[in-house]
């Protein structure tokens, strides 16, 4: 126990050293934190919240991609081919070598006209995923806020306990001094004086424990804020923590929570997302109607026409509609 307390005291002494700490944006950190500063810093710099913000940005990009699936695609290709071969000569007999060079160009485009509502359901689902990602941010922000408030209040309570125990030690020390005088004067027995000394030692131990409790609670808050161990840290003691407004009733709190808590809404959004997954899966039983078009031209040195003429003569266009009907897909 003594070793554990010593290690904690050394760690807290290191934390109390003056250092020039900065947050993730390069701004210097305060040496004393009030509750609002703790909340603002955590909402801005917490790693979990920032990861969830990136998740929401990813969901927004997925939503844009799902909407883009309604648009036609366009693919261009170009080919350059050189062929060298031996061919039988029917006139003079034997074999002759022949080389040829060809060039081709193609543009292809297609657009989905009907696919059982898959694209529309995917768009709606991706939009809900954005809402779910935002609700996850709010949910974690609420959790972090509660943790910070609880840790902050624990520090204040521990500090009040230190003040009480300090007064208790002062009172006991005065009683020991008085008891010493009475013992020397023969007014009290030795065991009564020793009991006073033992009580003083117990109160001093209680004071050390209370002081370490303050340091431990500060360390807890520091961990919630994800501050470096090198950063100095202390909180601002408010003048009062008395609530200015009366506490609402349990029924009103429950009603407000059901209407506004992000966990409740996020659960319903998760159900809706799963329903769209089911609707997209059912679209696999329905036919897919696709319109397509192709532009193609080419050149070969086996022809006597020049390059531009061949590109013009070989130019053709193709347009059509394709209907794909699922018949059997191995029970998938």
C-alpha atoms as a PDB file:
ATOM      1  CA  UNK A   1       0.000   0.000   0.000  1.00  0.00           C
ATOM      2  CA  UNK A   2       2.803   2.398   0.899  1.00  0.00           C
ATOM      3  CA  UNK A   3       4.623   1.621  -2.350  1.00  0.00           C
ATOM      4  CA  UNK A   4       1.458   2.200  -4.367  1.00  0.00           C
ATOM      5  CA  UNK A   5       0.873   5.558  -2.696  1.00  0.00           C
ATOM      6  CA  UNK A   6       4.485   6.564  -3.292  1.00  0.00           C
ATOM      7  CA  UNK A   7       4.250   5.762  -6.980  1.00  0.00           C
ATOM      8  CA  UNK A   8       1.024   7.756  -7.240  1.00  0.00           C
ATOM      9  CA  UNK A   9       2.565  10.757  -5.461  1.00  0.00           C
ATOM     10  CA  UNK A  10       5.577  10.698  -7.800  1.00  0.00           C
ATOM     11  CA  UNK A  11       3.307  10.503 -10.865  1.00  0.00           C
ATOM     12  CA  UNK A  12       1.167  13.378  -9.642  1.00  0.00           C
ATOM     13  CA  UNK A  13       4.311  15.434  -8.945  1.00  0.00           C
ATOM     14  CA  UNK A  14       5.385  14.906 -12.547  1.00  0.00           C
ATOM     15  CA  UNK A  15       1.948  15.975 -13.770  1.00  0.00           C
ATOM     16  CA  UNK A  16       2.192  19.162 -11.745  1.00  0.00           C
ATOM     17  CA  UNK A  17       5.401  20.276 -13.480  1.00  0.00           C
ATOM     18  CA  UNK A  18       4.950  23.420 -15.644  1.00  0.00           C
ATOM     19  CA  UNK A  19       4.897  22.418 -19.329  1.00  0.00           C
ATOM     20  CA  UNK A  20       3.792  24.207 -22.485  1.00  0.00           C
ATOM     21  CA  UNK A  21       1.154  21.793 -23.758  1.00  0.00           C
ATOM     22  CA  UNK A  22      -0.857  22.218 -26.955  1.00  0.00           C
ATOM     23  CA  UNK A  23      -4.014  20.672 -28.355  1.00  0.00           C
ATOM     24  CA  UNK A  24      -4.351  19.022 -31.761  1.00  0.00           C
ATOM     25  CA  UNK A  25      -4.813  22.383 -33.490  1.00  0.00           C
ATOM     26  CA  UNK A  26      -1.647  23.867 -31.975  1.00  0.00           C
ATOM     27  CA  UNK A  27      -3.352  26.112 -29.404  1.00  0.00           C
ATOM     28  CA  UNK A  28      -1.820  26.149 -25.900  1.00  0.00           C
ATOM     29  CA  UNK A  29      -3.729  24.262 -23.234  1.00  0.00           C
ATOM     30  CA  UNK A  30      -4.854  26.062 -20.063  1.00  0.00           C
ATOM     31  CA  UNK A  31      -3.253  25.166 -16.759  1.00  0.00           C
ATOM     32  CA  UNK A  32      -6.627  25.339 -14.979  1.00  0.00           C
ATOM     33  CA  UNK A  33      -9.777  23.927 -16.539  1.00  0.00           C
ATOM     34  CA  UNK A  34     -13.387  24.799 -15.812  1.00  0.00           C
ATOM     35  CA  UNK A  35     -16.168  22.368 -16.694  1.00  0.00           C
ATOM     36  CA  UNK A  36     -17.111  24.063 -19.975  1.00  0.00           C
ATOM     37  CA  UNK A  37     -13.483  24.073 -21.141  1.00  0.00           C
ATOM     38  CA  UNK A  38     -13.266  20.337 -20.454  1.00  0.00           C
ATOM     39  CA  UNK A  39     -16.437  19.674 -22.428  1.00  0.00           C
ATOM     40  CA  UNK A  40     -15.418  21.855 -25.385  1.00  0.00           C
ATOM     41  CA  UNK A  41     -11.967  20.288 -25.570  1.00  0.00           C
ATOM     42  CA  UNK A  42     -13.299  16.724 -25.465  1.00  0.00           C
ATOM     43  CA  UNK A  43     -15.934  17.355 -28.150  1.00  0.00           C
ATOM     44  CA  UNK A  44     -13.282  18.828 -30.437  1.00  0.00           C
ATOM     45  CA  UNK A  45     -10.291  16.552 -29.816  1.00  0.00           C
ATOM     46  CA  UNK A  46     -11.578  13.175 -28.632  1.00  0.00           C
ATOM     47  CA  UNK A  47     -10.152  10.416 -30.848  1.00  0.00           C
ATOM     48  CA  UNK A  48     -13.335   8.338 -30.822  1.00  0.00           C
ATOM     49  CA  UNK A  49     -15.490  11.295 -31.851  1.00  0.00           C
ATOM     50  CA  UNK A  50     -13.088  12.262 -34.622  1.00  0.00           C
ATOM     51  CA  UNK A  51     -13.115   8.666 -35.902  1.00  0.00           C
ATOM     52  CA  UNK A  52     -16.916   8.749 -35.953  1.00  0.00           C
ATOM     53  CA  UNK A  53     -16.812  12.035 -37.866  1.00  0.00           C
ATOM     54  CA  UNK A  54     -14.656  10.329 -40.500  1.00  0.00           C
ATOM     55  CA  UNK A  55     -17.181   7.495 -40.587  1.00  0.00           C
ATOM     56  CA  UNK A  56     -19.943  10.020 -41.271  1.00  0.00           C
ATOM     57  CA  UNK A  57     -17.862  11.595 -44.074  1.00  0.00           C
ATOM     58  CA  UNK A  58     -17.484   8.108 -45.579  1.00  0.00           C
ATOM     59  CA  UNK A  59     -21.253   7.590 -45.349  1.00  0.00           C
ATOM     60  CA  UNK A  60     -21.804  10.884 -47.171  1.00  0.00           C
ATOM     61  CA  UNK A  61     -19.518   9.778 -49.991  1.00  0.00           C
ATOM     62  CA  UNK A  62     -21.323   6.429 -50.218  1.00  0.00           C
ATOM     63  CA  UNK A  63     -24.599   8.333 -50.515  1.00  0.00           C
ATOM     64  CA  UNK A  64     -23.251  10.354 -53.441  1.00  0.00           C
ATOM     65  CA  UNK A  65     -22.045   7.149 -55.111  1.00  0.00           C
ATOM     66  CA  UNK A  66     -25.455   5.525 -54.703  1.00  0.00           C
ATOM     67  CA  UNK A  67     -27.139   8.510 -56.386  1.00  0.00           C
ATOM     68  CA  UNK A  68     -24.561   8.405 -59.201  1.00  0.00           C
ATOM     69  CA  UNK A  69     -25.689   4.840 -59.997  1.00  0.00           C
ATOM     70  CA  UNK A  70     -28.712   6.374 -61.752  1.00  0.00           C
ATOM     71  CA  UNK A  71     -26.464   8.056 -64.292  1.00  0.00           C
ATOM     72  CA  UNK A  72     -25.120   6.390 -67.453  1.00  0.00           C
ATOM     73  CA  UNK A  73     -21.504   5.319 -67.586  1.00  0.00           C
ATOM     74  CA  UNK A  74     -19.080   5.979 -70.441  1.00  0.00           C
ATOM     75  CA  UNK A  75     -16.052   3.841 -71.242  1.00  0.00           C
ATOM     76  CA  UNK A  76     -13.447   4.576 -73.906  1.00  0.00           C
ATOM     77  CA  UNK A  77     -10.874   2.131 -75.229  1.00  0.00           C
ATOM     78  CA  UNK A  78      -8.114   2.200 -77.839  1.00  0.00           C
ATOM     79  CA  UNK A  79      -6.171  -0.753 -79.202  1.00  0.00           C
ATOM     80  CA  UNK A  80      -2.938  -1.057 -81.154  1.00  0.00           C
ATOM     81  CA  UNK A  81      -2.080  -4.497 -82.562  1.00  0.00           C
ATOM     82  CA  UNK A  82       0.921  -5.792 -84.517  1.00  0.00           C
ATOM     83  CA  UNK A  83       0.666  -9.284 -86.007  1.00  0.00           C
ATOM     84  CA  UNK A  84       3.515 -11.339 -87.519  1.00  0.00           C
ATOM     85  CA  UNK A  85       2.727 -14.804 -88.957  1.00  0.00           C
ATOM     86  CA  UNK A  86       3.636 -17.455 -91.515  1.00  0.00           C
ATOM     87  CA  UNK A  87       1.048 -18.374 -94.113  1.00  0.00           C
ATOM     88  CA  UNK A  88       1.008 -21.087 -96.818  1.00  0.00           C
ATOM     89  CA  UNK A  89       1.416 -19.693-100.347  1.00  0.00           C
ATOM     90  CA  UNK A  90      -0.986 -21.631-102.671  1.00  0.00           C
ATOM     91  CA  UNK A  91       0.575 -20.191-105.843  1.00  0.00           C
ATOM     92  CA  UNK A  92       4.286 -20.878-105.495  1.00  0.00           C
ATOM     93  CA  UNK A  93       4.047 -23.270-102.576  1.00  0.00           C
ATOM     94  CA  UNK A  94       5.932 -23.088 -99.299  1.00  0.00           C
ATOM     95  CA  UNK A  95       5.357 -20.461 -96.617  1.00  0.00           C
ATOM     96  CA  UNK A  96       5.598 -16.714 -96.579  1.00  0.00           C
ATOM     97  CA  UNK A  97       5.818 -14.338 -93.660  1.00  0.00           C
ATOM     98  CA  UNK A  98       3.289 -11.580 -93.283  1.00  0.00           C
ATOM     99  CA  UNK A  99       3.094  -8.650 -90.901  1.00  0.00           C
ATOM    100  CA  UNK A 100       0.049  -6.496 -90.216  1.00  0.00           C
ATOM    101  CA  UNK A 101      -0.753  -3.478 -88.107  1.00  0.00           C
ATOM    102  CA  UNK A 102      -4.216  -2.492 -86.845  1.00  0.00           C
ATOM    103  CA  UNK A 103      -5.687   0.263 -84.711  1.00  0.00           C
ATOM    104  CA  UNK A 104      -9.136   0.410 -83.055  1.00  0.00           C
ATOM    105  CA  UNK A 105     -11.174   2.914 -81.028  1.00  0.00           C
ATOM    106  CA  UNK A 106     -14.398   2.372 -79.093  1.00  0.00           C
ATOM    107  CA  UNK A 107     -16.806   4.295 -76.847  1.00  0.00           C
ATOM    108  CA  UNK A 108     -19.377   2.351 -74.821  1.00  0.00           C
ATOM    109  CA  UNK A 109     -22.144   3.653 -72.595  1.00  0.00           C
ATOM    110  CA  UNK A 110     -24.947   1.994 -70.626  1.00  0.00           C
ATOM    111  CA  UNK A 111     -27.649   3.065 -68.175  1.00  0.00           C
ATOM    112  CA  UNK A 112     -29.893   1.008 -65.932  1.00  0.00           C
ATOM    113  CA  UNK A 113     -33.572   1.603 -66.686  1.00  0.00           C
ATOM    114  CA  UNK A 114     -35.072  -0.843 -64.196  1.00  0.00           C
ATOM    115  CA  UNK A 115     -33.583  -3.127 -61.569  1.00  0.00           C
ATOM    116  CA  UNK A 116     -36.398  -3.886 -59.181  1.00  0.00           C
ATOM    117  CA  UNK A 117     -35.936  -0.692 -57.166  1.00  0.00           C
ATOM    118  CA  UNK A 118     -32.428  -1.635 -56.060  1.00  0.00           C
ATOM    119  CA  UNK A 119     -30.898   1.786 -56.783  1.00  0.00           C
ATOM    120  CA  UNK A 120     -33.717   3.728 -55.091  1.00  0.00           C
ATOM    121  CA  UNK A 121     -33.586   1.525 -52.008  1.00  0.00           C
ATOM    122  CA  UNK A 122     -29.799   1.815 -51.908  1.00  0.00           C
ATOM    123  CA  UNK A 123     -30.047   5.625 -52.012  1.00  0.00           C
ATOM    124  CA  UNK A 124     -32.559   5.667 -49.164  1.00  0.00           C
ATOM    125  CA  UNK A 125     -30.409   3.261 -47.161  1.00  0.00           C
ATOM    126  CA  UNK A 126     -27.246   5.324 -47.633  1.00  0.00           C
ATOM    127  CA  UNK A 127     -29.127   8.433 -46.533  1.00  0.00           C
ATOM    128  CA  UNK A 128     -30.166   6.637 -43.339  1.00  0.00           C
ATOM    129  CA  UNK A 129     -26.561   5.546 -42.785  1.00  0.00           C
ATOM    130  CA  UNK A 130     -25.563   9.229 -42.744  1.00  0.00           C
ATOM    131  CA  UNK A 131     -28.198   9.874 -40.082  1.00  0.00           C
ATOM    132  CA  UNK A 132     -27.020   6.833 -38.104  1.00  0.00           C
ATOM    133  CA  UNK A 133     -23.399   8.026 -38.258  1.00  0.00           C
ATOM    134  CA  UNK A 134     -24.445  11.447 -36.955  1.00  0.00           C
ATOM    135  CA  UNK A 135     -26.467   9.839 -34.160  1.00  0.00           C
ATOM    136  CA  UNK A 136     -23.420   7.769 -33.201  1.00  0.00           C
ATOM    137  CA  UNK A 137     -21.471  11.004 -32.808  1.00  0.00           C
ATOM    138  CA  UNK A 138     -24.191  12.500 -30.607  1.00  0.00           C
ATOM    139  CA  UNK A 139     -24.441   9.316 -28.562  1.00  0.00           C
ATOM    140  CA  UNK A 140     -20.706   9.169 -27.855  1.00  0.00           C
ATOM    141  CA  UNK A 141     -20.597  12.921 -27.186  1.00  0.00           C
ATOM    142  CA  UNK A 142     -23.311  12.467 -24.546  1.00  0.00           C
ATOM    143  CA  UNK A 143     -21.413   9.573 -22.958  1.00  0.00           C
ATOM    144  CA  UNK A 144     -18.184  11.581 -22.835  1.00  0.00           C
ATOM    145  CA  UNK A 145     -20.057  14.573 -21.398  1.00  0.00           C
ATOM    146  CA  UNK A 146     -21.476  12.433 -18.588  1.00  0.00           C
ATOM    147  CA  UNK A 147     -18.060  10.954 -17.843  1.00  0.00           C
ATOM    148  CA  UNK A 148     -16.457  14.400 -17.691  1.00  0.00           C
ATOM    149  CA  UNK A 149     -19.167  15.859 -15.460  1.00  0.00           C
ATOM    150  CA  UNK A 150     -18.957  12.878 -13.101  1.00  0.00           C
ATOM    151  CA  UNK A 151     -15.145  13.049 -12.926  1.00  0.00           C
ATOM    152  CA  UNK A 152     -15.258  16.833 -12.415  1.00  0.00           C
ATOM    153  CA  UNK A 153     -17.759  16.511  -9.557  1.00  0.00           C
ATOM    154  CA  UNK A 154     -15.673  13.721  -8.019  1.00  0.00           C
ATOM    155  CA  UNK A 155     -12.700  16.090  -7.926  1.00  0.00           C
ATOM    156  CA  UNK A 156     -14.772  18.793  -6.246  1.00  0.00           C
ATOM    157  CA  UNK A 157     -16.111  16.294  -3.704  1.00  0.00           C
ATOM    158  CA  UNK A 158     -12.615  14.990  -3.007  1.00  0.00           C
ATOM    159  CA  UNK A 159     -11.347  18.545  -2.492  1.00  0.00           C
ATOM    160  CA  UNK A 160     -14.171  19.267  -0.034  1.00  0.00           C
ATOM    161  CA  UNK A 161     -13.263  16.081   1.788  1.00  0.00           C
ATOM    162  CA  UNK A 162      -9.636  17.253   2.030  1.00  0.00           C
ATOM    163  CA  UNK A 163     -10.790  20.539   3.613  1.00  0.00           C
ATOM    164  CA  UNK A 164     -12.899  18.627   6.124  1.00  0.00           C
ATOM    165  CA  UNK A 165     -10.085  16.216   7.005  1.00  0.00           C
ATOM    166  CA  UNK A 166      -7.598  19.108   7.359  1.00  0.00           C
ATOM    167  CA  UNK A 167      -9.899  20.729   9.892  1.00  0.00           C
ATOM    168  CA  UNK A 168     -10.234  17.370  11.613  1.00  0.00           C
ATOM    169  CA  UNK A 169      -6.439  16.985  11.799  1.00  0.00           C
ATOM    170  CA  UNK A 170      -6.100  20.510  13.193  1.00  0.00           C
ATOM    171  CA  UNK A 171      -8.741  19.772  15.836  1.00  0.00           C
ATOM    172  CA  UNK A 172      -7.131  16.451  16.794  1.00  0.00           C
ATOM    173  CA  UNK A 173      -3.676  18.076  16.939  1.00  0.00           C
ATOM    174  CA  UNK A 174      -5.041  20.683  19.357  1.00  0.00           C
ATOM    175  CA  UNK A 175      -6.542  17.898  21.454  1.00  0.00           C
ATOM    176  CA  UNK A 176      -3.161  16.113  21.528  1.00  0.00           C
ATOM    177  CA  UNK A 177      -1.443  19.309  22.717  1.00  0.00           C
ATOM    178  CA  UNK A 178      -4.090  19.757  25.401  1.00  0.00           C
ATOM    179  CA  UNK A 179      -3.831  16.086  26.362  1.00  0.00           C
ATOM    180  CA  UNK A 180      -0.054  16.360  26.665  1.00  0.00           C
ATOM    181  CA  UNK A 181      -0.408  19.228  29.113  1.00  0.00           C
ATOM    182  CA  UNK A 182      -3.034  17.345  31.103  1.00  0.00           C
ATOM    183  CA  UNK A 183      -0.896  14.183  31.127  1.00  0.00           C
ATOM    184  CA  UNK A 184       2.150  16.101  32.349  1.00  0.00           C
ATOM    185  CA  UNK A 185      -0.029  17.685  35.001  1.00  0.00           C
ATOM    186  CA  UNK A 186      -1.346  14.254  36.000  1.00  0.00           C
ATOM    187  CA  UNK A 187      -4.967  15.020  35.045  1.00  0.00           C
ATOM    188  CA  UNK A 188      -5.301  12.107  32.594  1.00  0.00           C
ATOM    189  CA  UNK A 189      -3.819   8.637  32.363  1.00  0.00           C
ATOM    190  CA  UNK A 190      -1.085   7.720  29.881  1.00  0.00           C
ATOM    191  CA  UNK A 191      -3.390   5.458  27.848  1.00  0.00           C
ATOM    192  CA  UNK A 192      -5.799   8.369  27.274  1.00  0.00           C
ATOM    193  CA  UNK A 193      -2.924  10.496  25.939  1.00  0.00           C
ATOM    194  CA  UNK A 194      -1.737   7.646  23.694  1.00  0.00           C
ATOM    195  CA  UNK A 195      -5.283   7.245  22.322  1.00  0.00           C
ATOM    196  CA  UNK A 196      -5.256  10.917  21.334  1.00  0.00           C
ATOM    197  CA  UNK A 197      -1.928  10.436  19.545  1.00  0.00           C
ATOM    198  CA  UNK A 198      -3.294   7.353  17.750  1.00  0.00           C
ATOM    199  CA  UNK A 199      -6.348   9.315  16.642  1.00  0.00           C
ATOM    200  CA  UNK A 200      -4.085  12.048  15.276  1.00  0.00           C
ATOM    201  CA  UNK A 201      -2.084   9.480  13.280  1.00  0.00           C
ATOM    202  CA  UNK A 202      -5.315   8.003  11.929  1.00  0.00           C
ATOM    203  CA  UNK A 203      -6.571  11.442  10.889  1.00  0.00           C
ATOM    204  CA  UNK A 204      -3.282  12.229   9.177  1.00  0.00           C
ATOM    205  CA  UNK A 205      -3.502   8.952   7.266  1.00  0.00           C
ATOM    206  CA  UNK A 206      -7.068   9.873   6.286  1.00  0.00           C
ATOM    207  CA  UNK A 207      -5.751  13.229   5.042  1.00  0.00           C
ATOM    208  CA  UNK A 208      -3.115  11.525   2.884  1.00  0.00           C
ATOM    209  CA  UNK A 209      -5.791   9.223   1.467  1.00  0.00           C
ATOM    210  CA  UNK A 210      -8.096  12.154   0.729  1.00  0.00           C
ATOM    211  CA  UNK A 211      -5.255  14.077  -0.963  1.00  0.00           C
ATOM    212  CA  UNK A 212      -4.415  11.060  -3.104  1.00  0.00           C
ATOM    213  CA  UNK A 213      -8.099  10.755  -3.972  1.00  0.00           C
ATOM    214  CA  UNK A 214      -7.998  14.279  -5.410  1.00  0.00           C
ATOM    215  CA  UNK A 215      -4.967  13.382  -7.499  1.00  0.00           C
ATOM    216  CA  UNK A 216      -6.520  10.112  -8.644  1.00  0.00           C
ATOM    217  CA  UNK A 217      -9.738  11.840  -9.708  1.00  0.00           C
ATOM    218  CA  UNK A 218      -7.721  14.454 -11.585  1.00  0.00           C
ATOM    219  CA  UNK A 219      -5.871  11.648 -13.348  1.00  0.00           C
ATOM    220  CA  UNK A 220      -9.213  10.049 -14.265  1.00  0.00           C
ATOM    221  CA  UNK A 221     -10.475  13.293 -15.793  1.00  0.00           C
ATOM    222  CA  UNK A 222      -7.178  13.744 -17.590  1.00  0.00           C
ATOM    223  CA  UNK A 223      -7.511  10.275 -19.110  1.00  0.00           C
ATOM    224  CA  UNK A 224     -11.054  11.033 -20.271  1.00  0.00           C
ATOM    225  CA  UNK A 225      -9.765  14.206 -21.943  1.00  0.00           C
ATOM    226  CA  UNK A 226      -6.943  12.102 -23.470  1.00  0.00           C
ATOM    227  CA  UNK A 227      -4.265  14.530 -22.323  1.00  0.00           C
ATOM    228  CA  UNK A 228      -0.594  13.626 -22.247  1.00  0.00           C
ATOM    229  CA  UNK A 229       0.926  12.652 -18.913  1.00  0.00           C
ATOM    230  CA  UNK A 230       3.331  15.575 -19.372  1.00  0.00           C
ATOM    231  CA  UNK A 231       0.539  18.175 -19.370  1.00  0.00           C
ATOM    232  CA  UNK A 232      -0.038  20.101 -16.142  1.00  0.00           C
ATOM    233  CA  UNK A 233      -3.645  19.908 -15.037  1.00  0.00           C
ATOM    234  CA  UNK A 234      -5.955  21.375 -12.411  1.00  0.00           C
ATOM    235  CA  UNK A 235      -9.589  22.444 -12.337  1.00  0.00           C
ATOM    236  CA  UNK A 236     -11.286  25.698 -11.454  1.00  0.00           C
ATOM    237  CA  UNK A 237     -13.315  25.464  -8.260  1.00  0.00           C
ATOM    238  CA  UNK A 238     -16.742  27.050  -8.916  1.00  0.00           C
ATOM    239  CA  UNK A 239     -18.286  29.422  -6.405  1.00  0.00           C
ATOM    240  CA  UNK A 240     -21.323  27.169  -6.091  1.00  0.00           C
ATOM    241  CA  UNK A 241     -22.740  24.033  -7.655  1.00  0.00           C
ATOM    242  CA  UNK A 242     -26.313  24.698  -6.579  1.00  0.00           C
ATOM    243  CA  UNK A 243     -28.714  24.195  -9.506  1.00  0.00           C
ATOM    244  CA  UNK A 244     -30.566  27.346 -10.537  1.00  0.00           C
ATOM    245  CA  UNK A 245     -33.578  25.414 -11.857  1.00  0.00           C
ATOM    246  CA  UNK A 246     -35.723  22.838 -10.116  1.00  0.00           C
ATOM    247  CA  UNK A 247     -35.272  19.220 -11.084  1.00  0.00           C
ATOM    248  CA  UNK A 248     -37.920  17.826 -13.479  1.00  0.00           C
ATOM    249  CA  UNK A 249     -40.096  14.897 -12.546  1.00  0.00           C
ATOM    250  CA  UNK A 250     -39.166  11.330 -13.460  1.00  0.00           C
ATOM    251  CA  UNK A 251     -42.024  11.018 -15.946  1.00  0.00           C
ATOM    252  CA  UNK A 252     -41.029  14.181 -17.815  1.00  0.00           C
ATOM    253  CA  UNK A 253     -37.370  13.084 -17.895  1.00  0.00           C
ATOM    254  CA  UNK A 254     -38.356   9.693 -19.312  1.00  0.00           C
ATOM    255  CA  UNK A 255     -40.585  11.310 -21.955  1.00  0.00           C
ATOM    256  CA  UNK A 256     -37.878  13.773 -23.023  1.00  0.00           C
ATOM    257  CA  UNK A 257     -35.288  10.977 -23.171  1.00  0.00           C
ATOM    258  CA  UNK A 258     -37.489   8.797 -25.386  1.00  0.00           C
ATOM    259  CA  UNK A 259     -38.020  11.701 -27.762  1.00  0.00           C
ATOM    260  CA  UNK A 260     -34.504  13.138 -27.882  1.00  0.00           C
ATOM    261  CA  UNK A 261     -31.909  10.546 -26.865  1.00  0.00           C
ATOM    262  CA  UNK A 262     -29.865   9.570 -29.951  1.00  0.00           C
ATOM    263  CA  UNK A 263     -29.725   5.917 -28.832  1.00  0.00           C
ATOM    264  CA  UNK A 264     -33.506   5.598 -29.256  1.00  0.00           C
ATOM    265  CA  UNK A 265     -33.564   7.157 -32.699  1.00  0.00           C
ATOM    266  CA  UNK A 266     -30.448   5.274 -33.777  1.00  0.00           C
ATOM    267  CA  UNK A 267     -32.105   1.956 -32.904  1.00  0.00           C
ATOM    268  CA  UNK A 268     -35.059   2.765 -35.157  1.00  0.00           C
ATOM    269  CA  UNK A 269     -32.728   3.901 -37.948  1.00  0.00           C
ATOM    270  CA  UNK A 270     -30.841   0.608 -37.671  1.00  0.00           C
ATOM    271  CA  UNK A 271     -34.126  -1.296 -38.175  1.00  0.00           C
ATOM    272  CA  UNK A 272     -34.938   0.803 -41.267  1.00  0.00           C
ATOM    273  CA  UNK A 273     -31.452   0.187 -42.692  1.00  0.00           C
ATOM    274  CA  UNK A 274     -31.947  -3.565 -42.300  1.00  0.00           C
ATOM    275  CA  UNK A 275     -35.313  -3.334 -44.039  1.00  0.00           C
ATOM    276  CA  UNK A 276     -33.674  -1.708 -47.042  1.00  0.00           C
ATOM    277  CA  UNK A 277     -31.098  -4.516 -47.042  1.00  0.00           C
ATOM    278  CA  UNK A 278     -33.991  -6.942 -47.334  1.00  0.00           C
ATOM    279  CA  UNK A 279     -35.625  -4.923 -50.123  1.00  0.00           C
ATOM    280  CA  UNK A 280     -32.336  -4.806 -52.059  1.00  0.00           C
ATOM    281  CA  UNK A 281     -31.941  -8.549 -51.680  1.00  0.00           C
ATOM    282  CA  UNK A 282     -35.469  -9.130 -53.027  1.00  0.00           C
ATOM    283  CA  UNK A 283     -34.582  -7.032 -56.081  1.00  0.00           C
ATOM    284  CA  UNK A 284     -32.294  -9.886 -57.119  1.00  0.00           C
ATOM    285  CA  UNK A 285     -35.413 -11.904 -58.051  1.00  0.00           C
ATOM    286  CA  UNK A 286     -36.549  -9.245 -60.551  1.00  0.00           C
ATOM    287  CA  UNK A 287     -35.338  -8.607 -64.125  1.00  0.00           C
ATOM    288  CA  UNK A 288     -32.849  -5.848 -64.959  1.00  0.00           C
ATOM    289  CA  UNK A 289     -33.448  -3.604 -67.978  1.00  0.00           C
ATOM    290  CA  UNK A 290     -30.398  -1.817 -69.377  1.00  0.00           C
ATOM    291  CA  UNK A 291     -29.957   0.526 -72.371  1.00  0.00           C
ATOM    292  CA  UNK A 292     -26.567   0.597 -74.068  1.00  0.00           C
ATOM    293  CA  UNK A 293     -24.775   2.220 -76.997  1.00  0.00           C
ATOM    294  CA  UNK A 294     -21.438   1.704 -78.730  1.00  0.00           C
ATOM    295  CA  UNK A 295     -19.307   3.729 -81.159  1.00  0.00           C
ATOM    296  CA  UNK A 296     -16.474   1.851 -82.877  1.00  0.00           C
ATOM    297  CA  UNK A 297     -13.957   2.389 -85.655  1.00  0.00           C
ATOM    298  CA  UNK A 298     -10.636   0.921 -86.709  1.00  0.00           C
ATOM    299  CA  UNK A 299      -7.709   0.851 -89.133  1.00  0.00           C
ATOM    300  CA  UNK A 300      -5.596  -1.922 -90.698  1.00  0.00           C
ATOM    301  CA  UNK A 301      -2.584  -1.612 -92.984  1.00  0.00           C
ATOM    302  CA  UNK A 302      -3.869  -4.548 -95.013  1.00  0.00           C
ATOM    303  CA  UNK A 303      -6.301  -2.155 -96.673  1.00  0.00           C
ATOM    304  CA  UNK A 304      -5.278   0.199 -99.449  1.00  0.00           C
ATOM    305  CA  UNK A 305      -7.298   3.092 -98.030  1.00  0.00           C
ATOM    306  CA  UNK A 306      -5.504   5.737 -95.995  1.00  0.00           C
ATOM    307  CA  UNK A 307      -5.811   6.070 -92.229  1.00  0.00           C
ATOM    308  CA  UNK A 308      -8.536   8.766 -92.112  1.00  0.00           C
ATOM    309  CA  UNK A 309     -10.601   7.078 -94.802  1.00  0.00           C
ATOM    310  CA  UNK A 310     -10.541   3.763 -92.981  1.00  0.00           C
ATOM    311  CA  UNK A 311     -11.594   5.396 -89.709  1.00  0.00           C
ATOM    312  CA  UNK A 312     -14.533   6.916 -91.554  1.00  0.00           C
ATOM    313  CA  UNK A 313     -15.466   3.774 -93.490  1.00  0.00           C
ATOM    314  CA  UNK A 314     -15.175   1.481 -90.472  1.00  0.00           C
ATOM    315  CA  UNK A 315     -17.139   3.781 -88.165  1.00  0.00           C
ATOM    316  CA  UNK A 316     -20.335   2.177 -86.889  1.00  0.00           C
ATOM    317  CA  UNK A 317     -22.875   2.899 -84.164  1.00  0.00           C
ATOM    318  CA  UNK A 318     -24.878   0.480 -82.093  1.00  0.00           C
ATOM    319  CA  UNK A 319     -27.698   1.046 -79.611  1.00  0.00           C
ATOM    320  CA  UNK A 320     -29.951  -1.399 -77.871  1.00  0.00           C
ATOM    321  CA  UNK A 321     -31.789  -2.569 -74.808  1.00  0.00           C
ATOM    322  CA  UNK A 322     -30.786  -5.588 -72.754  1.00  0.00           C
ATOM    323  CA  UNK A 323     -33.126  -7.495 -70.465  1.00  0.00           C
ATOM    324  CA  UNK A 324     -31.589  -9.814 -67.885  1.00  0.00           C
ATOM    325  CA  UNK A 325     -34.008 -12.243 -66.222  1.00  0.00           C
ATOM    326  CA  UNK A 326     -32.811 -14.288 -63.218  1.00  0.00           C
ATOM    327  CA  UNK A 327     -33.930 -17.904 -63.578  1.00  0.00           C
ATOM    328  CA  UNK A 328     -31.738 -19.864 -61.165  1.00  0.00           C
ATOM    329  CA  UNK A 329     -28.889 -18.523 -59.078  1.00  0.00           C
ATOM    330  CA  UNK A 330     -27.953 -21.508 -56.889  1.00  0.00           C
ATOM    331  CA  UNK A 331     -30.468 -20.475 -54.184  1.00  0.00           C
ATOM    332  CA  UNK A 332     -28.695 -17.185 -53.513  1.00  0.00           C
END
